[in-house]
Amino acid sequence: MTPFLLIANLITFGVFGFDKWQAKKQQWRISENTLLGLSLIGALGAASGMILFNHKVSKKSFLVKFIIVVLIDLVLLYRLIRH
């Protein structure tokens, strides 16, 4: 499970970086729903990408949704550990 999560977080981090790069070039972008879906699997990679690339940090609606995704992640992790 650990290798899967590591790879998922690296991919999510890369996708956030790619989307920021596309935004700077004013080109085709990755949808917010895709970014949030990837965040469900790789929350740490998403948070790191948001901070490092300064991506989506000023968009309040995205941040609220992202916090909800992180809370879902925490609940799932808790349930996984408890079993």
Protein backbone atom coordinates (compact mmCIF):
# COMPACT_ATOMS: atom_id res chain seq x y z
CA MET A 1 0.00 0.00 0.00
CA THR A 2 2.87 2.38 0.78
CA PRO A 3 4.38 2.23 -2.76
CA PHE A 4 0.93 2.93 -4.21
CA LEU A 5 0.42 5.98 -2.00
CA LEU A 6 3.92 7.27 -2.76
CA ILE A 7 3.34 6.99 -6.51
CA ALA A 8 -0.15 8.50 -6.21
CA ASN A 9 1.20 11.49 -4.27
CA LEU A 10 4.04 12.02 -6.76
CA ILE A 11 1.62 11.91 -9.68
CA THR A 12 -0.77 14.30 -7.94
CA PHE A 13 2.10 16.68 -7.17
CA GLY A 14 3.17 16.56 -10.82
CA VAL A 15 -0.35 17.18 -12.09
CA PHE A 16 -0.72 20.27 -9.89
CA GLY A 17 2.63 21.54 -11.22
CA PHE A 18 1.61 20.82 -14.81
CA ASP A 19 -1.71 22.62 -14.37
CA LYS A 20 0.08 25.67 -12.95
CA TRP A 21 2.48 25.62 -15.91
CA GLN A 22 -0.47 25.43 -18.31
CA ALA A 23 -2.14 28.32 -16.47
CA LYS A 24 0.94 30.50 -16.91
CA LYS A 25 0.95 29.76 -20.64
CA GLN A 26 -2.83 30.34 -20.81
CA GLN A 27 -3.34 26.91 -22.35
CA TRP A 28 -5.65 23.96 -21.80
CA ARG A 29 -6.14 23.25 -18.11
CA ILE A 30 -6.96 20.28 -15.94
CA SER A 31 -10.44 20.52 -14.43
CA GLU A 32 -10.85 21.28 -10.75
CA ASN A 33 -12.84 18.07 -10.33
CA THR A 34 -9.89 16.07 -11.66
CA LEU A 35 -7.52 17.89 -9.31
CA LEU A 36 -9.85 17.21 -6.38
CA GLY A 37 -10.23 13.56 -7.38
CA LEU A 38 -6.47 13.14 -7.46
CA SER A 39 -6.31 14.92 -4.11
CA LEU A 40 -8.53 12.22 -2.64
CA ILE A 41 -5.80 9.68 -3.38
CA GLY A 42 -2.76 11.92 -2.98
CA ALA A 43 -3.67 14.65 -0.51
CA LEU A 44 -0.09 15.19 0.62
CA GLY A 45 1.12 15.55 -2.98
CA ALA A 46 -1.73 17.94 -3.73
CA ALA A 47 -1.03 20.10 -0.68
CA SER A 48 2.68 20.16 -1.50
CA GLY A 49 1.95 21.10 -5.11
CA MET A 50 -0.44 23.83 -4.06
CA ILE A 51 2.16 25.35 -1.75
CA LEU A 52 5.26 24.90 -3.90
CA PHE A 53 3.66 26.03 -7.15
CA ASN A 54 1.39 28.59 -5.44
CA HIS A 55 -1.48 26.96 -7.27
CA LYS A 56 -5.15 27.31 -6.33
CA VAL A 57 -4.24 28.82 -2.95
CA SER A 58 -6.15 32.05 -3.50
CA LYS A 59 -9.30 30.43 -4.90
CA LYS A 60 -11.56 30.11 -1.86
CA SER A 61 -14.10 27.74 -3.44
CA PHE A 62 -11.34 25.29 -4.36
CA LEU A 63 -9.79 25.51 -0.92
CA VAL A 64 -13.10 24.69 0.77
CA LYS A 65 -13.55 21.65 -1.47
CA PHE A 66 -9.94 20.63 -0.90
CA ILE A 67 -10.37 20.80 2.89
CA ILE A 68 -13.45 18.58 2.58
CA VAL A 69 -11.39 16.08 0.55
CA VAL A 70 -8.65 16.10 3.19
CA LEU A 71 -11.24 15.51 5.94
CA ILE A 72 -12.64 12.57 3.96
CA ASP A 73 -9.09 11.24 3.65
CA LEU A 74 -8.59 11.52 7.40
CA VAL A 75 -11.85 9.71 8.15
CA LEU A 76 -10.95 6.91 5.72
CA LEU A 77 -7.47 6.63 7.19
CA TYR A 78 -8.90 6.45 10.71
CA ARG A 79 -11.33 3.71 9.68
CA LEU A 80 -8.56 1.80 7.94
CA ILE A 81 -6.33 1.95 11.02
CA ARG A 82 -9.15 0.95 13.37
CA HIS A 83 -9.81 -2.28 11.44
